[in-house]
Amino acid sequence: QVHLVESGGGLVQPGGSLRLSCEGSEFRLDLYAIGWFRQAPGKEREGLSCIKVDPTFTYYADSVKGRVTISRDNAKNTIYLDMNNLKPDDTAVYSCATDYGCFQTQGLGGPKYREDYWGQGTQVTVSS
């Protein structure tokens, strides 16, 4: 049973841009805080950005601050992650997930939803 579906990854040259999408599949994203994470081979999963139900609250990790923008379109039941000035170090599998209070994205302990849902991930490769 699929709940979150990511798309928009691909191969991009350094300095390029991508828009990643996280769409709810029979799952209302407007009821959840949603975080974006990435994991590169041999590295730990990293929380990048998060948006609460109230879209005025957003979080960005230092590694991507100033280069990415998170947003939500409730009419389309979709969360977006716009990424600019991509670097080879941004190469990873990018996933979205429910994240109560955006705690997991920030690497903090705290309350969680009764159950967290993850998408299958989308590969981003930054290479010339």
Protein backbone atom coordinates (compact mmCIF):
# COMPACT_ATOMS: atom_id res chain seq x y z
CA GLN A 1 0.00 0.00 0.00
CA VAL A 2 1.74 3.11 -1.27
CA HIS A 3 1.28 6.36 0.59
CA LEU A 4 4.03 8.70 -0.64
CA VAL A 5 5.46 8.78 -4.15
CA GLU A 6 8.56 10.79 -5.04
CA SER A 7 9.45 11.90 -8.54
CA GLY A 8 11.64 14.42 -10.32
CA GLY A 9 15.06 12.95 -9.77
CA GLY A 10 17.56 12.43 -12.52
CA LEU A 11 20.97 13.29 -13.86
CA VAL A 12 21.90 16.96 -13.75
CA GLN A 13 25.13 18.86 -14.30
CA PRO A 14 26.79 20.77 -11.46
CA GLY A 15 25.10 24.10 -11.04
CA GLY A 16 21.83 22.76 -12.39
CA SER A 17 18.39 22.60 -10.83
CA LEU A 18 15.76 20.00 -10.11
CA ARG A 19 12.27 19.99 -8.65
CA LEU A 20 11.42 16.94 -6.60
CA SER A 21 7.81 16.08 -5.90
CA CYS A 22 6.28 14.06 -3.09
CA GLU A 23 2.70 13.13 -3.88
CA GLY A 24 0.21 11.54 -1.54
CA SER A 25 -1.34 8.34 -2.83
CA GLU A 26 -4.76 8.00 -1.20
CA PHE A 27 -3.07 9.88 1.62
CA ARG A 28 -3.74 13.48 2.59
CA LEU A 29 -0.45 15.30 2.92
CA ASP A 30 -2.15 18.47 4.17
CA LEU A 31 -2.66 16.71 7.50
CA TYR A 32 1.02 15.99 8.05
CA ALA A 33 4.37 17.67 8.45
CA ILE A 34 6.53 16.31 5.65
CA GLY A 35 10.30 16.05 5.59
CA TRP A 36 12.78 15.46 2.80
CA PHE A 37 15.77 13.22 3.47
CA ARG A 38 18.63 11.92 1.40
CA GLN A 39 21.08 9.06 1.67
CA ALA A 40 24.24 8.65 -0.34
CA PRO A 41 26.06 5.31 -0.62
CA GLY A 42 28.08 4.65 2.51
CA LYS A 43 26.64 7.64 4.34
CA GLU A 44 23.97 8.06 6.97
CA ARG A 45 20.57 9.38 6.08
CA GLU A 46 20.45 13.16 6.29
CA GLY A 47 17.43 15.34 6.99
CA LEU A 48 17.33 18.21 4.53
CA SER A 49 14.12 20.15 4.78
CA CYS A 50 10.70 19.99 6.35
CA ILE A 51 7.39 21.80 6.15
CA LYS A 52 4.71 21.71 8.79
CA VAL A 53 0.96 21.64 8.21
CA ASP A 54 1.18 25.40 8.65
CA PRO A 55 3.37 26.12 5.62
CA THR A 56 4.83 29.22 7.23
CA PHE A 57 7.08 26.89 9.21
CA THR A 58 9.90 25.41 7.20
CA TYR A 59 13.27 23.97 8.15
CA TYR A 60 16.46 23.71 6.13
CA ALA A 61 19.66 21.90 7.01
CA ASP A 62 22.83 23.96 6.76
CA SER A 63 24.05 21.74 3.94
CA VAL A 64 21.26 22.93 1.63
CA LYS A 65 20.16 26.25 3.13
CA GLY A 66 19.96 28.91 0.46
CA ARG A 67 19.89 26.34 -2.33
CA VAL A 68 16.59 24.58 -1.74
CA THR A 69 13.00 25.64 -1.17
CA ILE A 70 10.27 23.43 0.21
CA SER A 71 6.62 24.13 -0.49
CA ARG A 72 3.25 22.41 -0.43
CA ASP A 73 0.35 22.51 -2.84
CA ASN A 74 -2.60 21.08 -0.96
CA ALA A 75 -4.84 21.19 -4.04
CA LYS A 76 -2.42 18.80 -5.74
CA ASN A 77 -1.68 16.88 -2.53
CA THR A 78 2.00 17.39 -3.23
CA ILE A 79 5.12 18.64 -1.46
CA TYR A 80 7.88 20.10 -3.60
CA LEU A 81 11.60 20.47 -3.05
CA ASP A 82 13.17 22.92 -5.48
CA MET A 83 16.93 22.51 -5.61
CA ASN A 84 19.33 24.93 -7.24
CA ASN A 85 23.09 25.17 -7.73
CA LEU A 86 23.40 21.41 -7.34
CA LYS A 87 26.79 19.96 -6.49
CA PRO A 88 28.25 16.48 -6.92
CA ASP A 89 27.94 16.03 -3.14
CA ASP A 90 24.18 16.31 -3.55
CA THR A 91 24.16 12.93 -5.32
CA ALA A 92 21.92 10.62 -3.29
CA VAL A 93 18.54 8.94 -3.09
CA TYR A 94 16.00 11.53 -1.95
CA SER A 95 12.97 10.46 0.03
CA CYS A 96 10.02 12.18 1.64
CA ALA A 97 8.36 11.07 4.84
CA THR A 98 5.85 12.12 7.42
CA ASP A 99 7.66 13.83 10.30
CA TYR A 100 5.68 15.07 13.31
CA GLY A 101 6.94 18.48 14.33
CA CYS A 102 9.76 18.13 11.82
CA PHE A 103 11.75 16.56 14.63
CA GLN A 104 13.33 13.75 12.62
CA THR A 105 14.42 16.07 9.86
CA GLN A 106 16.21 18.21 12.43
CA GLY A 107 17.76 15.17 14.10
CA LEU A 108 15.82 15.78 17.29
CA GLY A 109 13.95 13.40 19.52
CA GLY A 110 10.31 14.09 20.10
CA PRO A 111 6.76 12.92 19.54
CA LYS A 112 6.01 10.97 16.41
CA TYR A 113 2.92 10.15 14.44
CA ARG A 114 1.37 6.81 15.35
CA GLU A 115 2.94 5.55 12.14
CA ASP A 116 5.42 7.24 9.82
CA TYR A 117 5.22 6.78 6.09
CA TRP A 118 8.10 6.89 3.62
CA GLY A 119 8.24 7.04 -0.12
CA GLN A 120 10.40 4.75 -2.21
CA GLY A 121 12.91 7.47 -3.05
CA THR A 122 14.13 9.11 -6.21
CA GLN A 123 17.75 9.14 -7.38
CA VAL A 124 19.50 12.45 -7.91
CA THR A 125 22.87 12.33 -9.63
CA VAL A 126 24.93 15.47 -10.08
CA SER A 127 27.72 14.91 -12.54
CA SER A 128 29.30 16.46 -15.59
